[in-house]
Protein backbone atom coordinates (compact mmCIF):
# COMPACT_ATOMS: atom_id res chain seq x y z
CA UNK A 1 48.91 8.66 6.64
CA UNK A 2 49.17 5.92 9.20
CA UNK A 3 46.93 2.92 9.47
CA UNK A 4 45.18 4.46 12.51
CA UNK A 5 44.22 7.51 10.46
CA UNK A 6 42.95 5.33 7.58
CA UNK A 7 40.94 3.28 10.04
CA UNK A 8 39.40 6.42 11.56
CA UNK A 9 38.51 7.77 8.10
CA UNK A 10 36.95 4.44 7.14
CA UNK A 11 34.93 4.31 10.38
CA UNK A 12 33.72 7.88 9.81
CA UNK A 13 32.76 7.06 6.21
CA UNK A 14 30.85 3.94 7.33
CA UNK A 15 28.98 5.92 9.99
CA UNK A 16 28.01 8.61 7.48
CA UNK A 17 26.92 5.96 4.96
CA UNK A 18 24.79 4.24 7.62
CA UNK A 19 23.12 7.57 8.57
CA UNK A 20 22.50 8.43 4.91
CA UNK A 21 20.95 5.01 4.19
CA UNK A 22 18.71 5.40 7.20
CA UNK A 23 17.58 8.90 6.25
CA UNK A 24 17.25 8.33 2.50
CA UNK A 25 15.89 4.78 2.39
CA UNK A 26 14.88 3.15 5.65
CA UNK A 27 12.94 5.97 7.30
CA UNK A 28 10.81 6.85 4.21
CA UNK A 29 9.99 3.17 3.57
CA UNK A 30 9.14 2.73 7.25
CA UNK A 31 6.80 5.73 7.15
CA UNK A 32 5.13 4.41 3.99
CA UNK A 33 4.75 0.96 5.54
CA UNK A 34 3.19 2.37 8.71
CA UNK A 35 0.76 4.55 6.72
CA UNK A 36 -0.23 1.64 4.48
CA UNK A 37 -0.80 -0.67 7.45
CA UNK A 38 -3.00 1.96 9.12
CA UNK A 39 -5.08 2.46 5.95
CA UNK A 40 -5.48 -1.31 5.43
CA UNK A 41 -6.51 -1.79 9.07
CA UNK A 42 -9.06 1.04 8.77
CA UNK A 43 -10.47 -0.43 5.56
CA UNK A 44 -10.68 -3.91 7.11
CA UNK A 45 -12.53 -2.45 10.11
CA UNK A 46 -15.13 -1.01 7.70
CA UNK A 47 -15.63 -4.46 6.19
CA UNK A 48 -15.96 -5.50 2.58
CA UNK A 49 -18.59 -3.61 0.61
CA UNK A 50 -21.03 -5.41 -1.64
CA UNK A 51 -20.13 -5.51 -5.33
CA UNK A 52 -21.16 -2.47 -7.37
CA UNK A 53 -22.99 -2.74 -10.70
CA UNK A 54 -20.71 -3.54 -13.63
CA UNK A 55 -21.65 -0.43 -15.64
CA UNK A 56 -22.77 3.06 -14.82
CA UNK A 57 -24.24 3.72 -18.29
CA UNK A 58 -27.84 3.13 -19.30
CA UNK A 59 -28.67 1.69 -22.70
CA UNK A 60 -30.22 3.95 -25.31
CA UNK A 61 -31.74 3.07 -28.69
CA UNK A 62 -30.95 6.48 -30.18
CA UNK A 63 -27.66 8.28 -29.74
CA UNK A 64 -24.80 7.62 -27.37
CA UNK A 65 -25.39 5.99 -23.99
CA UNK A 66 -26.32 8.38 -21.22
CA UNK A 67 -24.73 8.19 -17.78
CA UNK A 68 -27.07 6.62 -15.27
CA UNK A 69 -27.81 8.25 -11.96
CA UNK A 70 -24.99 7.61 -9.53
CA UNK A 71 -25.80 4.60 -7.38
CA UNK A 72 -25.95 5.01 -3.64
CA UNK A 73 -22.70 4.00 -1.96
CA UNK A 74 -22.70 0.34 -1.01
CA UNK A 75 -22.98 -0.21 2.71
CA UNK A 76 -19.95 -1.73 4.32
CA UNK A 77 -20.11 -5.24 5.59
CA UNK A 78 -19.01 -6.59 8.95
CA UNK A 79 -15.43 -5.97 10.00
CA UNK A 80 -12.93 -8.48 8.67
CA UNK A 81 -9.32 -9.26 9.49
CA UNK A 82 -6.56 -7.47 7.62
CA UNK A 83 -5.55 -10.75 5.97
CA UNK A 84 -9.14 -11.37 4.79
CA UNK A 85 -9.39 -7.82 3.45
CA UNK A 86 -6.09 -8.18 1.55
CA UNK A 87 -7.16 -11.52 0.03
CA UNK A 88 -10.53 -10.22 -1.18
CA UNK A 89 -10.88 -9.40 -4.91
CA UNK A 90 -11.76 -5.71 -4.64
CA UNK A 91 -13.55 -3.98 -7.51
CA UNK A 92 -12.90 -0.34 -6.64
CA UNK A 93 -9.67 1.26 -7.80
CA UNK A 94 -8.75 2.78 -4.42
CA UNK A 95 -8.91 -0.58 -2.64
CA UNK A 96 -7.03 -2.29 -5.47
CA UNK A 97 -4.26 0.32 -5.23
CA UNK A 98 -4.05 -0.10 -1.45
CA UNK A 99 -3.79 -3.90 -1.77
CA UNK A 100 -1.17 -3.53 -4.52
CA UNK A 101 0.91 -1.19 -2.35
CA UNK A 102 0.62 -3.51 0.68
CA UNK A 103 1.82 -6.48 -1.38
CA UNK A 104 4.76 -4.52 -2.82
CA UNK A 105 5.83 -3.32 0.63
CA UNK A 106 5.52 -6.85 2.01
CA UNK A 107 7.93 -8.09 -0.67
CA UNK A 108 10.51 -5.50 0.41
CA UNK A 109 10.40 -6.90 3.94
CA UNK A 110 11.29 -10.41 2.76
CA UNK A 111 15.07 -10.52 2.46
CA UNK A 112 16.47 -13.87 1.40
CA UNK A 113 18.85 -15.34 3.93
CA UNK A 114 17.26 -13.48 6.85
CA UNK A 115 14.31 -14.52 8.95
């Protein structure tokens, strides 16, 4: 094989590798990032809910504790910025998971040596 053929094979391999990386890594991460940003923005628009009671069990002198009646959902507060919503110490698991995912995705965007 001549050097021109090797160069063409290498260029083809690089192009296929670039397309595979885009399809297998970049596009799924981009979709996840977009979905997370939309969910965080929607949650921030709803505001930060008041803190819920620490326990949903009522005390009992005899026998095991009995579940208390489910509290009414806390009303949302005024809309806040996305940054404020992400910095808030959320108590509900869904909001904590969303904040955790946003922070993880943000770390993937920070590549040392690039700005």
